[in-house]
Amino acid sequence: MATAELIYPEQDFIDALAANGITTGNCTAETIIHLKHDTRTTLSYAGLAKRASFLGLAAPGSLDNIRWKKLEKQIFGEPFYKQLLRRRGRR
């Protein structure tokens, strides 16, 4: 059994995507960002993307070379702890 399987079981992963209307070949980078955020999984974005690709839920190559943290910031904004650190640095 792979470590990723212990952290986020494959069937739970498939079920979470299916609950959001994701079927074969239509998983996007934005879907992965929302999935990680909603489930609070400790798997990396790259790990989730590899699993989606392996299971055929994403089009081949569609999740390659994604700047995950930049996309996360675009979708959810800057995390509160970074805002706080930046404010403290200005004083």
C-alpha atoms as a PDB file:
ATOM      1  CA  MET A   1       0.000   0.000   0.000  1.00  0.00           C
ATOM      2  CA  ALA A   2       1.383   3.403  -0.960  1.00  0.00           C
ATOM      3  CA  THR A   3       1.765   6.212   1.554  1.00  0.00           C
ATOM      4  CA  ALA A   4      -0.667   8.387  -0.391  1.00  0.00           C
ATOM      5  CA  GLU A   5      -3.278   5.674   0.005  1.00  0.00           C
ATOM      6  CA  LEU A   6      -2.962   5.936   3.793  1.00  0.00           C
ATOM      7  CA  ILE A   7      -3.263   9.726   3.719  1.00  0.00           C
ATOM      8  CA  TYR A   8      -6.136   9.962   1.231  1.00  0.00           C
ATOM      9  CA  PRO A   9      -7.718   6.661   0.165  1.00  0.00           C
ATOM     10  CA  GLU A  10      -8.248   6.338  -3.582  1.00  0.00           C
ATOM     11  CA  GLN A  11     -11.975   5.702  -3.341  1.00  0.00           C
ATOM     12  CA  ASP A  12     -12.466   8.762  -1.120  1.00  0.00           C
ATOM     13  CA  PHE A  13     -10.552  10.798  -3.710  1.00  0.00           C
ATOM     14  CA  ILE A  14     -12.746   9.500  -6.533  1.00  0.00           C
ATOM     15  CA  ASP A  15     -15.918  10.065  -4.495  1.00  0.00           C
ATOM     16  CA  ALA A  16     -14.922  13.644  -3.603  1.00  0.00           C
ATOM     17  CA  LEU A  17     -14.340  14.502  -7.241  1.00  0.00           C
ATOM     18  CA  ALA A  18     -17.532  12.746  -8.350  1.00  0.00           C
ATOM     19  CA  ALA A  19     -19.514  14.733  -5.774  1.00  0.00           C
ATOM     20  CA  ASN A  20     -18.254  17.866  -7.521  1.00  0.00           C
ATOM     21  CA  GLY A  21     -19.303  16.608 -10.945  1.00  0.00           C
ATOM     22  CA  ILE A  22     -15.823  15.572 -12.074  1.00  0.00           C
ATOM     23  CA  THR A  23     -15.845  12.700 -14.512  1.00  0.00           C
ATOM     24  CA  THR A  24     -13.289  11.141 -16.821  1.00  0.00           C
ATOM     25  CA  GLY A  25     -10.954  13.708 -18.332  1.00  0.00           C
ATOM     26  CA  ASN A  26     -12.419  16.927 -16.936  1.00  0.00           C
ATOM     27  CA  CYS A  27     -10.459  17.471 -13.713  1.00  0.00           C
ATOM     28  CA  THR A  28      -8.673  20.841 -13.846  1.00  0.00           C
ATOM     29  CA  ALA A  29      -5.989  22.507 -11.771  1.00  0.00           C
ATOM     30  CA  GLU A  30      -8.696  24.627 -10.148  1.00  0.00           C
ATOM     31  CA  THR A  31     -10.535  21.436  -9.171  1.00  0.00           C
ATOM     32  CA  ILE A  32      -7.401  20.141  -7.447  1.00  0.00           C
ATOM     33  CA  ILE A  33      -6.965  23.459  -5.572  1.00  0.00           C
ATOM     34  CA  HIS A  34     -10.559  23.345  -4.321  1.00  0.00           C
ATOM     35  CA  LEU A  35     -10.311  19.660  -3.419  1.00  0.00           C
ATOM     36  CA  LYS A  36      -7.196  20.183  -1.287  1.00  0.00           C
ATOM     37  CA  HIS A  37      -8.728  23.237   0.367  1.00  0.00           C
ATOM     38  CA  ASP A  38     -12.085  21.582   1.073  1.00  0.00           C
ATOM     39  CA  THR A  39     -10.714  18.268   2.349  1.00  0.00           C
ATOM     40  CA  ARG A  40      -7.638  19.703   4.091  1.00  0.00           C
ATOM     41  CA  THR A  41      -5.634  16.731   2.881  1.00  0.00           C
ATOM     42  CA  THR A  42      -1.911  16.775   3.548  1.00  0.00           C
ATOM     43  CA  LEU A  43      -1.125  15.424   0.080  1.00  0.00           C
ATOM     44  CA  SER A  44       0.681  17.906  -2.149  1.00  0.00           C
ATOM     45  CA  TYR A  45      -0.971  19.463  -5.172  1.00  0.00           C
ATOM     46  CA  ALA A  46       1.443  17.496  -7.357  1.00  0.00           C
ATOM     47  CA  GLY A  47       0.437  14.263  -5.609  1.00  0.00           C
ATOM     48  CA  LEU A  48      -3.255  14.967  -6.108  1.00  0.00           C
ATOM     49  CA  ALA A  49      -2.633  15.897  -9.743  1.00  0.00           C
ATOM     50  CA  LYS A  50      -0.687  12.680 -10.365  1.00  0.00           C
ATOM     51  CA  ARG A  51      -3.494  10.645  -8.872  1.00  0.00           C
ATOM     52  CA  ALA A  52      -6.131  12.431 -10.976  1.00  0.00           C
ATOM     53  CA  SER A  53      -4.054  11.844 -14.109  1.00  0.00           C
ATOM     54  CA  PHE A  54      -3.372   8.193 -13.233  1.00  0.00           C
ATOM     55  CA  LEU A  55      -7.080   7.538 -12.692  1.00  0.00           C
ATOM     56  CA  GLY A  56      -7.983   9.219 -15.987  1.00  0.00           C
ATOM     57  CA  LEU A  57      -9.889  12.023 -14.285  1.00  0.00           C
ATOM     58  CA  ALA A  58      -7.677  14.661 -15.908  1.00  0.00           C
ATOM     59  CA  ALA A  59      -6.720  14.960 -19.551  1.00  0.00           C
ATOM     60  CA  PRO A  60      -3.160  13.715 -20.173  1.00  0.00           C
ATOM     61  CA  GLY A  61      -0.665  16.493 -19.487  1.00  0.00           C
ATOM     62  CA  SER A  62      -3.316  18.999 -18.411  1.00  0.00           C
ATOM     63  CA  LEU A  63      -1.987  19.150 -14.844  1.00  0.00           C
ATOM     64  CA  ASP A  64       1.702  19.358 -15.743  1.00  0.00           C
ATOM     65  CA  ASN A  65       3.788  22.454 -14.981  1.00  0.00           C
ATOM     66  CA  ILE A  66       1.158  24.168 -12.850  1.00  0.00           C
ATOM     67  CA  ARG A  67       2.325  26.822 -10.406  1.00  0.00           C
ATOM     68  CA  TRP A  68       0.152  25.488  -7.606  1.00  0.00           C
ATOM     69  CA  LYS A  69       0.817  28.074  -4.896  1.00  0.00           C
ATOM     70  CA  LYS A  70       0.325  30.961  -7.324  1.00  0.00           C
ATOM     71  CA  LEU A  71      -2.983  29.481  -8.496  1.00  0.00           C
ATOM     72  CA  GLU A  72      -4.037  28.857  -4.885  1.00  0.00           C
ATOM     73  CA  LYS A  73      -3.361  32.518  -4.072  1.00  0.00           C
ATOM     74  CA  GLN A  74      -5.393  33.636  -7.111  1.00  0.00           C
ATOM     75  CA  ILE A  75      -8.351  31.533  -6.016  1.00  0.00           C
ATOM     76  CA  PHE A  76      -8.326  32.015  -2.234  1.00  0.00           C
ATOM     77  CA  GLY A  77      -6.193  35.102  -1.728  1.00  0.00           C
ATOM     78  CA  GLU A  78      -3.215  35.451   0.543  1.00  0.00           C
ATOM     79  CA  PRO A  79      -3.337  33.302   3.695  1.00  0.00           C
ATOM     80  CA  PHE A  80      -4.027  35.167   6.915  1.00  0.00           C
ATOM     81  CA  TYR A  81      -0.718  34.165   8.511  1.00  0.00           C
ATOM     82  CA  LYS A  82       1.190  35.747   5.622  1.00  0.00           C
ATOM     83  CA  GLN A  83      -0.860  38.931   5.916  1.00  0.00           C
ATOM     84  CA  LEU A  84      -0.091  39.020   9.637  1.00  0.00           C
ATOM     85  CA  LEU A  85       3.635  38.443   9.099  1.00  0.00           C
ATOM     86  CA  ARG A  86       3.733  41.198   6.492  1.00  0.00           C
ATOM     87  CA  ARG A  87       1.967  43.633   8.875  1.00  0.00           C
ATOM     88  CA  ARG A  88       4.365  42.787  11.697  1.00  0.00           C
ATOM     89  CA  GLY A  89       7.325  43.369   9.393  1.00  0.00           C
ATOM     90  CA  ARG A  90       6.159  46.911   8.607  1.00  0.00           C
ATOM     91  CA  ARG A  91       6.269  48.065  12.231  1.00  0.00           C
END
